[in-house]
Amino acid sequence: MIKPSKPGRANRIEEQIQRDLATMIPKELSDKRIGLVTITGVKITPDYVHATVYFTSIGSTPEASEEALNSASPILYPRIFKLLKIHTVPQLHFVYDKSVEDGFEMDQLIKQARAEDAEKIKE
C-alpha cells in the first residue's frame, strides 16, 4: 500500500530535482548529443520511485538528447540522492517536452489567421 505523502511535498521535491538537474547537467555531463538543455518540469510518481524529467534542447536532435540523458541517468542519480536527503530518491526518466514546439506552432497558426483576416478586411 502506498503511504500518502504530506500535501505539497511532492511539488517541493519535483521543484528541487528540476533546479538541481538544471545546474548539474551542463557542469557534469560532456556528451555532445545532449546539446543545450532546459529542464521544463519534473513529475514524480506517488510512491517516489520514478521521476519523469521533461526537457527541451538546442543544438541536438530531441531523440539524441533523450538517449544521452537517459544513458547518463545512473551518473546523475547518486548526485541527486546526496542533494535531496530523502529516503527514496526517484529514478530519472528523461522525456523530450514537445509543448514548447506545440506552442510555437500554435503561435504561427494564430499569426497566419490574423494575416488572413487582415487581407479579407483590406478587400
PDB file of N, CA and C in Angstrom:
ATOM      1  N   MET A   1       0.839  -1.178   0.000  1.00  0.00           N
ATOM      2  CA  MET A   1       0.000   0.000   0.000  1.00  0.00           C
ATOM      3  C   MET A   1       0.886   1.245   0.000  1.00  0.00           C
ATOM      4  N   ILE A   2       0.518   2.202  -0.833  1.00  0.00           N
ATOM      5  CA  ILE A   2       1.277   3.447  -0.924  1.00  0.00           C
ATOM      6  C   ILE A   2       0.842   4.371   0.200  1.00  0.00           C
ATOM      7  N   LYS A   3       1.823   4.820   0.936  1.00  0.00           N
ATOM      8  CA  LYS A   3       1.563   5.729   2.044  1.00  0.00           C
ATOM      9  C   LYS A   3       1.410   7.150   1.493  1.00  0.00           C
ATOM     10  N   PRO A   4       0.288   7.818   1.793  1.00  0.00           N
ATOM     11  CA  PRO A   4       0.121   9.174   1.261  1.00  0.00           C
ATOM     12  C   PRO A   4       1.145  10.133   1.851  1.00  0.00           C
ATOM     13  N   SER A   5       1.625  11.029   1.008  1.00  0.00           N
ATOM     14  CA  SER A   5       2.619  11.996   1.481  1.00  0.00           C
ATOM     15  C   SER A   5       1.923  13.269   1.945  1.00  0.00           C
ATOM     16  N   LYS A   6       2.688  14.097   2.601  1.00  0.00           N
ATOM     17  CA  LYS A   6       2.165  15.377   3.073  1.00  0.00           C
ATOM     18  C   LYS A   6       1.850  16.259   1.868  1.00  0.00           C
ATOM     19  N   PRO A   7       0.777  17.059   1.958  1.00  0.00           N
ATOM     20  CA  PRO A   7       0.436  17.931   0.828  1.00  0.00           C
ATOM     21  C   PRO A   7       1.586  18.871   0.474  1.00  0.00           C
ATOM     22  N   GLY A   8       1.855  18.963  -0.816  1.00  0.00           N
ATOM     23  CA  GLY A   8       2.902  19.868  -1.277  1.00  0.00           C
ATOM     24  C   GLY A   8       4.296  19.281  -1.267  1.00  0.00           C
ATOM     25  N   ARG A   9       4.490  18.174  -0.585  1.00  0.00           N
ATOM     26  CA  ARG A   9       5.831  17.583  -0.504  1.00  0.00           C
ATOM     27  C   ARG A   9       6.316  17.155  -1.885  1.00  0.00           C
ATOM     28  N   ALA A  10       5.453  16.499  -2.636  1.00  0.00           N
ATOM     29  CA  ALA A  10       5.836  16.053  -3.977  1.00  0.00           C
ATOM     30  C   ALA A  10       6.224  17.242  -4.848  1.00  0.00           C
ATOM     31  N   ASN A  11       5.463  18.320  -4.751  1.00  0.00           N
ATOM     32  CA  ASN A  11       5.789  19.518  -5.539  1.00  0.00           C
ATOM     33  C   ASN A  11       7.147  20.086  -5.165  1.00  0.00           C
ATOM     34  N   ARG A  12       7.432  20.115  -3.880  1.00  0.00           N
ATOM     35  CA  ARG A  12       8.732  20.639  -3.434  1.00  0.00           C
ATOM     36  C   ARG A  12       9.872  19.761  -3.949  1.00  0.00           C
ATOM     37  N   ILE A  13       9.687  18.458  -3.902  1.00  0.00           N
ATOM     38  CA  ILE A  13      10.728  17.540  -4.380  1.00  0.00           C
ATOM     39  C   ILE A  13      10.896  17.681  -5.891  1.00  0.00           C
ATOM     40  N   GLU A  14       9.784  17.786  -6.623  1.00  0.00           N
ATOM     41  CA  GLU A  14       9.862  17.972  -8.076  1.00  0.00           C
ATOM     42  C   GLU A  14      10.621  19.248  -8.423  1.00  0.00           C
ATOM     43  N   GLU A  15      10.308  20.327  -7.724  1.00  0.00           N
ATOM     44  CA  GLU A  15      10.993  21.599  -7.978  1.00  0.00           C
ATOM     45  C   GLU A  15      12.476  21.516  -7.636  1.00  0.00           C
ATOM     46  N   GLN A  16      12.800  20.817  -6.553  1.00  0.00           N
ATOM     47  CA  GLN A  16      14.203  20.676  -6.160  1.00  0.00           C
ATOM     48  C   GLN A  16      14.975  19.857  -7.189  1.00  0.00           C
ATOM     49  N   ILE A  17      14.376  18.765  -7.662  1.00  0.00           N
ATOM     50  CA  ILE A  17      15.025  17.949  -8.693  1.00  0.00           C
ATOM     51  C   ILE A  17      15.236  18.785  -9.955  1.00  0.00           C
ATOM     52  N   GLN A  18      14.234  19.564 -10.333  1.00  0.00           N
ATOM     53  CA  GLN A  18      14.345  20.410 -11.522  1.00  0.00           C
ATOM     54  C   GLN A  18      15.496  21.405 -11.380  1.00  0.00           C
ATOM     55  N   ARG A  19      15.573  22.075 -10.244  1.00  0.00           N
ATOM     56  CA  ARG A  19      16.662  23.046 -10.020  1.00  0.00           C
ATOM     57  C   ARG A  19      18.023  22.359 -10.031  1.00  0.00           C
ATOM     58  N   ASP A  20      18.121  21.225  -9.327  1.00  0.00           N
ATOM     59  CA  ASP A  20      19.408  20.532  -9.235  1.00  0.00           C
ATOM     60  C   ASP A  20      19.878  20.037 -10.596  1.00  0.00           C
ATOM     61  N   LEU A  21      18.966  19.443 -11.368  1.00  0.00           N
ATOM     62  CA  LEU A  21      19.348  18.947 -12.688  1.00  0.00           C
ATOM     63  C   LEU A  21      19.718  20.090 -13.629  1.00  0.00           C
ATOM     64  N   ALA A  22      19.018  21.208 -13.522  1.00  0.00           N
ATOM     65  CA  ALA A  22      19.306  22.351 -14.393  1.00  0.00           C
ATOM     66  C   ALA A  22      20.728  22.864 -14.193  1.00  0.00           C
ATOM     67  N   THR A  23      21.216  22.818 -12.967  1.00  0.00           N
ATOM     68  CA  THR A  23      22.593  23.261 -12.725  1.00  0.00           C
ATOM     69  C   THR A  23      23.598  22.129 -12.933  1.00  0.00           C
ATOM     70  N   MET A  24      23.181  20.909 -12.678  1.00  0.00           N
ATOM     71  CA  MET A  24      24.085  19.764 -12.734  1.00  0.00           C
ATOM     72  C   MET A  24      24.413  19.328 -14.166  1.00  0.00           C
ATOM     73  N   ILE A  25      23.429  19.273 -15.039  1.00  0.00           N
ATOM     74  CA  ILE A  25      23.633  18.722 -16.382  1.00  0.00           C
ATOM     75  C   ILE A  25      24.710  19.471 -17.162  1.00  0.00           C
ATOM     76  N   PRO A  26      24.675  20.798 -17.254  1.00  0.00           N
ATOM     77  CA  PRO A  26      25.736  21.466 -18.026  1.00  0.00           C
ATOM     78  C   PRO A  26      27.129  21.313 -17.412  1.00  0.00           C
ATOM     79  N   LYS A  27      27.199  21.176 -16.095  1.00  0.00           N
ATOM     80  CA  LYS A  27      28.501  21.073 -15.423  1.00  0.00           C
ATOM     81  C   LYS A  27      29.049  19.652 -15.429  1.00  0.00           C
ATOM     82  N   GLU A  28      28.180  18.667 -15.258  1.00  0.00           N
ATOM     83  CA  GLU A  28      28.619  17.290 -15.035  1.00  0.00           C
ATOM     84  C   GLU A  28      28.683  16.433 -16.303  1.00  0.00           C
ATOM     85  N   LEU A  29      27.878  16.761 -17.309  1.00  0.00           N
ATOM     86  CA  LEU A  29      27.798  15.904 -18.496  1.00  0.00           C
ATOM     87  C   LEU A  29      28.467  16.579 -19.686  1.00  0.00           C
ATOM     88  N   SER A  30      29.308  15.816 -20.381  1.00  0.00           N
ATOM     89  CA  SER A  30      30.027  16.378 -21.527  1.00  0.00           C
ATOM     90  C   SER A  30      29.626  15.714 -22.844  1.00  0.00           C
ATOM     91  N   ASP A  31      28.559  14.930 -22.834  1.00  0.00           N
ATOM     92  CA  ASP A  31      28.086  14.245 -24.034  1.00  0.00           C
ATOM     93  C   ASP A  31      27.564  15.282 -25.031  1.00  0.00           C
ATOM     94  N   LYS A  32      28.158  15.316 -26.215  1.00  0.00           N
ATOM     95  CA  LYS A  32      27.783  16.309 -27.220  1.00  0.00           C
ATOM     96  C   LYS A  32      26.374  16.085 -27.766  1.00  0.00           C
ATOM     97  N   ARG A  33      25.831  14.892 -27.590  1.00  0.00           N
ATOM     98  CA  ARG A  33      24.470  14.612 -28.069  1.00  0.00           C
ATOM     99  C   ARG A  33      23.417  15.367 -27.263  1.00  0.00           C
ATOM    100  N   ILE A  34      23.782  15.822 -26.083  1.00  0.00           N
ATOM    101  CA  ILE A  34      22.809  16.472 -25.209  1.00  0.00           C
ATOM    102  C   ILE A  34      22.474  17.872 -25.701  1.00  0.00           C
ATOM    103  N   GLY A  35      23.438  18.623 -26.153  1.00  0.00           N
ATOM    104  CA  GLY A  35      23.184  19.996 -26.573  1.00  0.00           C
ATOM    105  C   GLY A  35      22.924  20.890 -25.370  1.00  0.00           C
ATOM    106  N   LEU A  36      22.300  22.029 -25.619  1.00  0.00           N
ATOM    107  CA  LEU A  36      21.948  22.965 -24.555  1.00  0.00           C
ATOM    108  C   LEU A  36      20.562  22.578 -24.044  1.00  0.00           C
ATOM    109  N   VAL A  37      20.499  22.095 -22.819  1.00  0.00           N
ATOM    110  CA  VAL A  37      19.268  21.528 -22.262  1.00  0.00           C
ATOM    111  C   VAL A  37      18.619  22.490 -21.282  1.00  0.00           C
ATOM    112  N   THR A  38      17.298  22.565 -21.365  1.00  0.00           N
ATOM    113  CA  THR A  38      16.492  23.277 -20.378  1.00  0.00           C
ATOM    114  C   THR A  38      15.529  22.274 -19.763  1.00  0.00           C
ATOM    115  N   ILE A  39      15.550  22.156 -18.452  1.00  0.00           N
ATOM    116  CA  ILE A  39      14.618  21.268 -17.755  1.00  0.00           C
ATOM    117  C   ILE A  39      13.318  22.049 -17.575  1.00  0.00           C
ATOM    118  N   THR A  40      12.248  21.566 -18.210  1.00  0.00           N
ATOM    119  CA  THR A  40      10.980  22.294 -18.188  1.00  0.00           C
ATOM    120  C   THR A  40      10.030  21.812 -17.101  1.00  0.00           C
ATOM    121  N   GLY A  41      10.283  20.641 -16.547  1.00  0.00           N
ATOM    122  CA  GLY A  41       9.414  20.151 -15.484  1.00  0.00           C
ATOM    123  C   GLY A  41       9.810  18.763 -15.028  1.00  0.00           C
ATOM    124  N   VAL A  42       9.326  18.402 -13.852  1.00  0.00           N
ATOM    125  CA  VAL A  42       9.569  17.074 -13.283  1.00  0.00           C
ATOM    126  C   VAL A  42       8.258  16.601 -12.670  1.00  0.00           C
ATOM    127  N   LYS A  43       7.922  15.349 -12.911  1.00  0.00           N
ATOM    128  CA  LYS A  43       6.719  14.764 -12.318  1.00  0.00           C
ATOM    129  C   LYS A  43       7.112  13.436 -11.678  1.00  0.00           C
ATOM    130  N   ILE A  44       6.881  13.316 -10.368  1.00  0.00           N
ATOM    131  CA  ILE A  44       7.228  12.074  -9.678  1.00  0.00           C
ATOM    132  C   ILE A  44       5.966  11.261  -9.410  1.00  0.00           C
ATOM    133  N   THR A  45       6.156   9.948  -9.318  1.00  0.00           N
ATOM    134  CA  THR A  45       5.037   9.061  -9.006  1.00  0.00           C
ATOM    135  C   THR A  45       4.711   9.180  -7.521  1.00  0.00           C
ATOM    136  N   PRO A  46       3.485   8.822  -7.129  1.00  0.00           N
ATOM    137  CA  PRO A  46       3.092   8.947  -5.719  1.00  0.00           C
ATOM    138  C   PRO A  46       3.989   8.175  -4.748  1.00  0.00           C
ATOM    139  N   ASP A  47       4.604   7.087  -5.217  1.00  0.00           N
ATOM    140  CA  ASP A  47       5.480   6.308  -4.342  1.00  0.00           C
ATOM    141  C   ASP A  47       6.935   6.778  -4.395  1.00  0.00           C
ATOM    142  N   TYR A  48       7.205   7.839  -5.147  1.00  0.00           N
ATOM    143  CA  TYR A  48       8.541   8.451  -5.253  1.00  0.00           C
ATOM    144  C   TYR A  48       9.589   7.527  -5.874  1.00  0.00           C
ATOM    145  N   VAL A  49       9.162   6.519  -6.611  1.00  0.00           N
ATOM    146  CA  VAL A  49      10.106   5.574  -7.203  1.00  0.00           C
ATOM    147  C   VAL A  49      10.610   6.068  -8.562  1.00  0.00           C
ATOM    148  N   HIS A  50       9.759   6.755  -9.302  1.00  0.00           N
ATOM    149  CA  HIS A  50      10.135   7.214 -10.642  1.00  0.00           C
ATOM    150  C   HIS A  50       9.854   8.706 -10.792  1.00  0.00           C
ATOM    151  N   ALA A  51      10.723   9.369 -11.534  1.00  0.00           N
ATOM    152  CA  ALA A  51      10.525  10.782 -11.867  1.00  0.00           C
ATOM    153  C   ALA A  51      10.688  10.945 -13.373  1.00  0.00           C
ATOM    154  N   THR A  52       9.683  11.521 -13.995  1.00  0.00           N
ATOM    155  CA  THR A  52       9.770  11.851 -15.409  1.00  0.00           C
ATOM    156  C   THR A  52      10.273  13.287 -15.500  1.00  0.00           C
ATOM    157  N   VAL A  53      11.393  13.448 -16.174  1.00  0.00           N
ATOM    158  CA  VAL A  53      12.026  14.762 -16.305  1.00  0.00           C
ATOM    159  C   VAL A  53      11.795  15.247 -17.733  1.00  0.00           C
ATOM    160  N   TYR A  54      11.069  16.352 -17.863  1.00  0.00           N
ATOM    161  CA  TYR A  54      10.766  16.923 -19.170  1.00  0.00           C
ATOM    162  C   TYR A  54      11.817  17.976 -19.503  1.00  0.00           C
ATOM    163  N   PHE A  55      12.288  17.959 -20.754  1.00  0.00           N
ATOM    164  CA  PHE A  55      13.350  18.880 -21.156  1.00  0.00           C
ATOM    165  C   PHE A  55      13.169  19.324 -22.601  1.00  0.00           C
ATOM    166  N   THR A  56      13.813  20.417 -22.938  1.00  0.00           N
ATOM    167  CA  THR A  56      13.972  20.844 -24.325  1.00  0.00           C
ATOM    168  C   THR A  56      15.469  20.987 -24.568  1.00  0.00           C
ATOM    169  N   SER A  57      15.845  20.961 -25.834  1.00  0.00           N
ATOM    170  CA  SER A  57      17.275  21.096 -26.133  1.00  0.00           C
ATOM    171  C   SER A  57      17.478  21.876 -27.421  1.00  0.00           C
ATOM    172  N   ILE A  58      18.616  22.540 -27.475  1.00  0.00           N
ATOM    173  CA  ILE A  58      19.038  23.281 -28.661  1.00  0.00           C
ATOM    174  C   ILE A  58      20.410  22.736 -29.042  1.00  0.00           C
ATOM    175  N   GLY A  59      20.618  22.542 -30.324  1.00  0.00           N
ATOM    176  CA  GLY A  59      21.920  22.085 -30.782  1.00  0.00           C
ATOM    177  C   GLY A  59      22.033  20.580 -30.899  1.00  0.00           C
ATOM    178  N   SER A  60      20.924  19.885 -30.719  1.00  0.00           N
ATOM    179  CA  SER A  60      20.912  18.437 -30.828  1.00  0.00           C
ATOM    180  C   SER A  60      19.491  18.002 -31.155  1.00  0.00           C
ATOM    181  N   THR A  61      19.367  16.833 -31.751  1.00  0.00           N
ATOM    182  CA  THR A  61      18.021  16.333 -32.030  1.00  0.00           C
ATOM    183  C   THR A  61      17.377  15.874 -30.727  1.00  0.00           C
ATOM    184  N   PRO A  62      16.054  15.958 -30.639  1.00  0.00           N
ATOM    185  CA  PRO A  62      15.381  15.512 -29.413  1.00  0.00           C
ATOM    186  C   PRO A  62      15.683  14.054 -29.070  1.00  0.00           C
ATOM    187  N   GLU A  63      15.732  13.215 -30.092  1.00  0.00           N
ATOM    188  CA  GLU A  63      15.984  11.790 -29.860  1.00  0.00           C
ATOM    189  C   GLU A  63      17.379  11.557 -29.293  1.00  0.00           C
ATOM    190  N   ALA A  64      18.369  12.241 -29.873  1.00  0.00           N
ATOM    191  CA  ALA A  64      19.749  12.079 -29.404  1.00  0.00           C
ATOM    192  C   ALA A  64      19.899  12.596 -27.981  1.00  0.00           C
ATOM    193  N   SER A  65      19.294  13.745 -27.700  1.00  0.00           N
ATOM    194  CA  SER A  65      19.364  14.305 -26.343  1.00  0.00           C
ATOM    195  C   SER A  65      18.710  13.374 -25.337  1.00  0.00           C
ATOM    196  N   GLU A  66      17.531  12.865 -25.693  1.00  0.00           N
ATOM    197  CA  GLU A  66      16.805  11.972 -24.786  1.00  0.00           C
ATOM    198  C   GLU A  66      17.610  10.706 -24.501  1.00  0.00           C
ATOM    199  N   GLU A  67      18.189  10.136 -25.550  1.00  0.00           N
ATOM    200  CA  GLU A  67      19.000   8.929 -25.380  1.00  0.00           C
ATOM    201  C   GLU A  67      20.218   9.205 -24.495  1.00  0.00           C
ATOM    202  N   ALA A  68      20.895  10.319 -24.742  1.00  0.00           N
ATOM    203  CA  ALA A  68      22.089  10.662 -23.963  1.00  0.00           C
ATOM    204  C   ALA A  68      21.746  10.927 -22.500  1.00  0.00           C
ATOM    205  N   LEU A  69      20.663  11.655 -22.254  1.00  0.00           N
ATOM    206  CA  LEU A  69      20.276  11.955 -20.868  1.00  0.00           C
ATOM    207  C   LEU A  69      19.853  10.688 -20.128  1.00  0.00           C
ATOM    208  N   ASN A  70      19.108   9.823 -20.798  1.00  0.00           N
ATOM    209  CA  ASN A  70      18.704   8.577 -20.141  1.00  0.00           C
ATOM    210  C   ASN A  70      19.900   7.668 -19.873  1.00  0.00           C
ATOM    211  N   SER A  71      20.892   7.695 -20.760  1.00  0.00           N
ATOM    212  CA  SER A  71      22.088   6.888 -20.501  1.00  0.00           C
ATOM    213  C   SER A  71      22.935   7.497 -19.381  1.00  0.00           C
ATOM    214  N   ALA A  72      22.796   8.812 -19.160  1.00  0.00           N
ATOM    215  CA  ALA A  72      23.530   9.482 -18.078  1.00  0.00           C
ATOM    216  C   ALA A  72      22.786   9.430 -16.750  1.00  0.00           C
ATOM    217  N   SER A  73      21.581   8.922 -16.756  1.00  0.00           N
ATOM    218  CA  SER A  73      20.772   8.867 -15.535  1.00  0.00           C
ATOM    219  C   SER A  73      21.481   8.168 -14.373  1.00  0.00           C
ATOM    220  N   PRO A  74      22.189   7.050 -14.605  1.00  0.00           N
ATOM    221  CA  PRO A  74      22.913   6.423 -13.486  1.00  0.00           C
ATOM    222  C   PRO A  74      24.025   7.302 -12.907  1.00  0.00           C
ATOM    223  N   ILE A  75      24.536   8.240 -13.695  1.00  0.00           N
ATOM    224  CA  ILE A  75      25.553   9.172 -13.202  1.00  0.00           C
ATOM    225  C   ILE A  75      24.902  10.257 -12.353  1.00  0.00           C
ATOM    226  N   LEU A  76      23.729  10.721 -12.787  1.00  0.00           N
ATOM    227  CA  LEU A  76      23.035  11.806 -12.093  1.00  0.00           C
ATOM    228  C   LEU A  76      22.353  11.343 -10.812  1.00  0.00           C
ATOM    229  N   TYR A  77      21.891  10.097 -10.788  1.00  0.00           N
ATOM    230  CA  TYR A  77      21.115   9.588  -9.649  1.00  0.00           C
ATOM    231  C   TYR A  77      21.831   9.740  -8.302  1.00  0.00           C
ATOM    232  N   PRO A  78      23.073   9.285  -8.158  1.00  0.00           N
ATOM    233  CA  PRO A  78      23.725   9.421  -6.845  1.00  0.00           C
ATOM    234  C   PRO A  78      23.939  10.876  -6.430  1.00  0.00           C
ATOM    235  N   ARG A  79      24.145  11.745  -7.398  1.00  0.00           N
ATOM    236  CA  ARG A  79      24.327  13.165  -7.069  1.00  0.00           C
ATOM    237  C   ARG A  79      23.017  13.777  -6.582  1.00  0.00           C
ATOM    238  N   ILE A  80      21.922  13.395  -7.218  1.00  0.00           N
ATOM    239  CA  ILE A  80      20.603  13.859  -6.766  1.00  0.00           C
ATOM    240  C   ILE A  80      20.312  13.286  -5.387  1.00  0.00           C
ATOM    241  N   PHE A  81      20.687  12.031  -5.163  1.00  0.00           N
ATOM    242  CA  PHE A  81      20.469  11.374  -3.871  1.00  0.00           C
ATOM    243  C   PHE A  81      21.136  12.169  -2.749  1.00  0.00           C
ATOM    244  N   LYS A  82      22.365  12.605  -2.977  1.00  0.00           N
ATOM    245  CA  LYS A  82      23.086  13.374  -1.953  1.00  0.00           C
ATOM    246  C   LYS A  82      22.440  14.733  -1.698  1.00  0.00           C
ATOM    247  N   LEU A  83      21.929  15.354  -2.743  1.00  0.00           N
ATOM    248  CA  LEU A  83      21.347  16.687  -2.599  1.00  0.00           C
ATOM    249  C   LEU A  83      19.963  16.673  -1.961  1.00  0.00           C
ATOM    250  N   LEU A  84      19.157  15.661  -2.271  1.00  0.00           N
ATOM    251  CA  LEU A  84      17.781  15.636  -1.773  1.00  0.00           C
ATOM    252  C   LEU A  84      17.676  15.241  -0.305  1.00  0.00           C
ATOM    253  N   LYS A  85      18.506  14.334   0.125  1.00  0.00           N
ATOM    254  CA  LYS A  85      18.492  13.875   1.519  1.00  0.00           C
ATOM    255  C   LYS A  85      17.111  13.371   1.942  1.00  0.00           C
ATOM    256  N   ILE A  86      16.529  12.530   1.087  1.00  0.00           N
ATOM    257  CA  ILE A  86      15.276  11.862   1.438  1.00  0.00           C
ATOM    258  C   ILE A  86      15.491  10.362   1.312  1.00  0.00           C
ATOM    259  N   HIS A  87      14.612   9.602   1.925  1.00  0.00           N
ATOM    260  CA  HIS A  87      14.780   8.147   1.973  1.00  0.00           C
ATOM    261  C   HIS A  87      14.704   7.505   0.594  1.00  0.00           C
ATOM    262  N   THR A  88      13.694   7.857  -0.189  1.00  0.00           N
ATOM    263  CA  THR A  88      13.517   7.281  -1.516  1.00  0.00           C
ATOM    264  C   THR A  88      13.736   8.359  -2.563  1.00  0.00           C
ATOM    265  N   VAL A  89      14.773   8.192  -3.347  1.00  0.00           N
ATOM    266  CA  VAL A  89      15.042   9.130  -4.434  1.00  0.00           C
ATOM    267  C   VAL A  89      14.589   8.462  -5.727  1.00  0.00           C
ATOM    268  N   PRO A  90      13.758   9.148  -6.504  1.00  0.00           N
ATOM    269  CA  PRO A  90      13.214   8.523  -7.711  1.00  0.00           C
ATOM    270  C   PRO A  90      14.261   8.309  -8.796  1.00  0.00           C
ATOM    271  N   GLN A  91      14.050   7.247  -9.565  1.00  0.00           N
ATOM    272  CA  GLN A  91      14.878   7.018 -10.743  1.00  0.00           C
ATOM    273  C   GLN A  91      14.451   8.020 -11.803  1.00  0.00           C
ATOM    274  N   LEU A  92      15.410   8.533 -12.539  1.00  0.00           N
ATOM    275  CA  LEU A  92      15.150   9.598 -13.505  1.00  0.00           C
ATOM    276  C   LEU A  92      14.893   9.028 -14.894  1.00  0.00           C
ATOM    277  N   HIS A  93      13.812   9.485 -15.508  1.00  0.00           N
ATOM    278  CA  HIS A  93      13.451   9.103 -16.874  1.00  0.00           C
ATOM    279  C   HIS A  93      13.249  10.398 -17.658  1.00  0.00           C
ATOM    280  N   PHE A  94      14.103  10.630 -18.648  1.00  0.00           N
ATOM    281  CA  PHE A  94      14.060  11.879 -19.407  1.00  0.00           C
ATOM    282  C   PHE A  94      13.157  11.734 -20.629  1.00  0.00           C
ATOM    283  N   VAL A  95      12.303  12.742 -20.835  1.00  0.00           N
ATOM    284  CA  VAL A  95      11.366  12.766 -21.957  1.00  0.00           C
ATOM    285  C   VAL A  95      11.409  14.160 -22.579  1.00  0.00           C
ATOM    286  N   TYR A  96      11.548  14.199 -23.898  1.00  0.00           N
ATOM    287  CA  TYR A  96      11.577  15.485 -24.593  1.00  0.00           C
ATOM    288  C   TYR A  96      10.212  16.154 -24.475  1.00  0.00           C
ATOM    289  N   ASP A  97      10.204  17.423 -24.114  1.00  0.00           N
ATOM    290  CA  ASP A  97       8.976  18.191 -23.912  1.00  0.00           C
ATOM    291  C   ASP A  97       8.596  18.885 -25.218  1.00  0.00           C
ATOM    292  N   LYS A  98       7.557  18.375 -25.859  1.00  0.00           N
ATOM    293  CA  LYS A  98       7.121  18.936 -27.138  1.00  0.00           C
ATOM    294  C   LYS A  98       6.196  20.135 -26.965  1.00  0.00           C
ATOM    295  N   SER A  99       5.855  20.486 -25.747  1.00  0.00           N
ATOM    296  CA  SER A  99       4.905  21.580 -25.533  1.00  0.00           C
ATOM    297  C   SER A  99       5.445  22.917 -26.041  1.00  0.00           C
ATOM    298  N   VAL A 100       6.752  23.111 -25.989  1.00  0.00           N
ATOM    299  CA  VAL A 100       7.337  24.360 -26.491  1.00  0.00           C
ATOM    300  C   VAL A 100       7.156  24.439 -28.005  1.00  0.00           C
ATOM    301  N   GLU A 101       7.437  23.336 -28.693  1.00  0.00           N
ATOM    302  CA  GLU A 101       7.242  23.298 -30.142  1.00  0.00           C
ATOM    303  C   GLU A 101       5.769  23.464 -30.486  1.00  0.00           C
ATOM    304  N   ASP A 102       4.902  22.804 -29.724  1.00  0.00           N
ATOM    305  CA  ASP A 102       3.463  22.921 -29.961  1.00  0.00           C
ATOM    306  C   ASP A 102       3.001  24.361 -29.772  1.00  0.00           C
ATOM    307  N   GLY A 103       3.518  25.025 -28.765  1.00  0.00           N
ATOM    308  CA  GLY A 103       3.185  26.428 -28.530  1.00  0.00           C
ATOM    309  C   GLY A 103       3.651  27.316 -29.671  1.00  0.00           C
ATOM    310  N   PHE A 104       4.848  27.038 -30.189  1.00  0.00           N
ATOM    311  CA  PHE A 104       5.367  27.810 -31.317  1.00  0.00           C
ATOM    312  C   PHE A 104       4.484  27.611 -32.544  1.00  0.00           C
ATOM    313  N   GLU A 105       4.084  26.347 -32.801  1.00  0.00           N
ATOM    314  CA  GLU A 105       3.197  26.059 -33.930  1.00  0.00           C
ATOM    315  C   GLU A 105       1.867  26.792 -33.776  1.00  0.00           C
ATOM    316  N   MET A 106       1.322  26.780 -32.572  1.00  0.00           N
ATOM    317  CA  MET A 106       0.056  27.459 -32.312  1.00  0.00           C
ATOM    318  C   MET A 106       0.203  28.961 -32.557  1.00  0.00           C
ATOM    319  N   ASP A 107       1.316  29.516 -32.127  1.00  0.00           N
ATOM    320  CA  ASP A 107       1.581  30.938 -32.346  1.00  0.00           C
ATOM    321  C   ASP A 107       1.640  31.250 -33.839  1.00  0.00           C
ATOM    322  N   GLN A 108       2.299  30.381 -34.602  1.00  0.00           N
ATOM    323  CA  GLN A 108       2.384  30.575 -36.049  1.00  0.00           C
ATOM    324  C   GLN A 108       0.999  30.514 -36.690  1.00  0.00           C
ATOM    325  N   LEU A 109       0.160  29.582 -36.250  1.00  0.00           N
ATOM    326  CA  LEU A 109      -1.192  29.470 -36.794  1.00  0.00           C
ATOM    327  C   LEU A 109      -2.021  30.713 -36.479  1.00  0.00           C
ATOM    328  N   ILE A 110      -1.867  31.243 -35.286  1.00  0.00           N
ATOM    329  CA  ILE A 110      -2.588  32.460 -34.905  1.00  0.00           C
ATOM    330  C   ILE A 110      -2.132  33.634 -35.766  1.00  0.00           C
ATOM    331  N   LYS A 111      -0.824  33.759 -35.959  1.00  0.00           N
ATOM    332  CA  LYS A 111      -0.306  34.841 -36.809  1.00  0.00           C
ATOM    333  C   LYS A 111      -0.822  34.708 -38.239  1.00  0.00           C
ATOM    334  N   GLN A 112      -0.856  33.471 -38.733  1.00  0.00           N
ATOM    335  CA  GLN A 112      -1.349  33.226 -40.085  1.00  0.00           C
ATOM    336  C   GLN A 112      -2.831  33.595 -40.190  1.00  0.00           C
ATOM    337  N   ALA A 113      -3.627  33.214 -39.199  1.00  0.00           N
ATOM    338  CA  ALA A 113      -5.055  33.533 -39.206  1.00  0.00           C
ATOM    339  C   ALA A 113      -5.277  35.042 -39.146  1.00  0.00           C
ATOM    340  N   ARG A 114      -4.488  35.730 -38.338  1.00  0.00           N
ATOM    341  CA  ARG A 114      -4.612  37.190 -38.254  1.00  0.00           C
ATOM    342  C   ARG A 114      -4.250  37.848 -39.583  1.00  0.00           C
ATOM    343  N   ALA A 115      -3.208  37.340 -40.227  1.00  0.00           N
ATOM    344  CA  ALA A 115      -2.797  37.892 -41.521  1.00  0.00           C
ATOM    345  C   ALA A 115      -3.893  37.676 -42.558  1.00  0.00           C
ATOM    346  N   GLU A 116      -4.513  36.493 -42.546  1.00  0.00           N
ATOM    347  CA  GLU A 116      -5.605  36.210 -43.479  1.00  0.00           C
ATOM    348  C   GLU A 116      -6.801  37.120 -43.202  1.00  0.00           C
ATOM    349  N   ASP A 117      -7.104  37.344 -41.926  1.00  0.00           N
ATOM    350  CA  ASP A 117      -8.201  38.246 -41.569  1.00  0.00           C
ATOM    351  C   ASP A 117      -7.902  39.671 -42.028  1.00  0.00           C
ATOM    352  N   ALA A 118      -6.665  40.097 -41.872  1.00  0.00           N
ATOM    353  CA  ALA A 118      -6.276  41.442 -42.301  1.00  0.00           C
ATOM    354  C   ALA A 118      -6.419  41.584 -43.812  1.00  0.00           C
ATOM    355  N   GLU A 119      -6.078  40.527 -44.546  1.00  0.00           N
ATOM    356  CA  GLU A 119      -6.225  40.541 -46.006  1.00  0.00           C
ATOM    357  C   GLU A 119      -7.695  40.659 -46.396  1.00  0.00           C
ATOM    358  N   LYS A 120      -8.564  39.937 -45.703  1.00  0.00           N
ATOM    359  CA  LYS A 120     -10.001  39.979 -46.003  1.00  0.00           C
ATOM    360  C   LYS A 120     -10.579  41.356 -45.705  1.00  0.00           C
ATOM    361  N   ILE A 121     -10.104  41.986 -44.650  1.00  0.00           N
ATOM    362  CA  ILE A 121     -10.589  43.316 -44.291  1.00  0.00           C
ATOM    363  C   ILE A 121     -10.166  44.337 -45.346  1.00  0.00           C
ATOM    364  N   LYS A 122      -8.968  44.191 -45.898  1.00  0.00           N
ATOM    365  CA  LYS A 122      -8.470  45.112 -46.922  1.00  0.00           C
ATOM    366  C   LYS A 122      -9.279  45.002 -48.209  1.00  0.00           C
ATOM    367  N   GLU A 123      -9.803  43.829 -48.470  1.00  0.00           N
ATOM    368  CA  GLU A 123     -10.534  43.604 -49.728  1.00  0.00           C
ATOM    369  C   GLU A 123     -11.849  44.225 -49.703  1.00  0.00           C
TER     370      GLU A 123
END
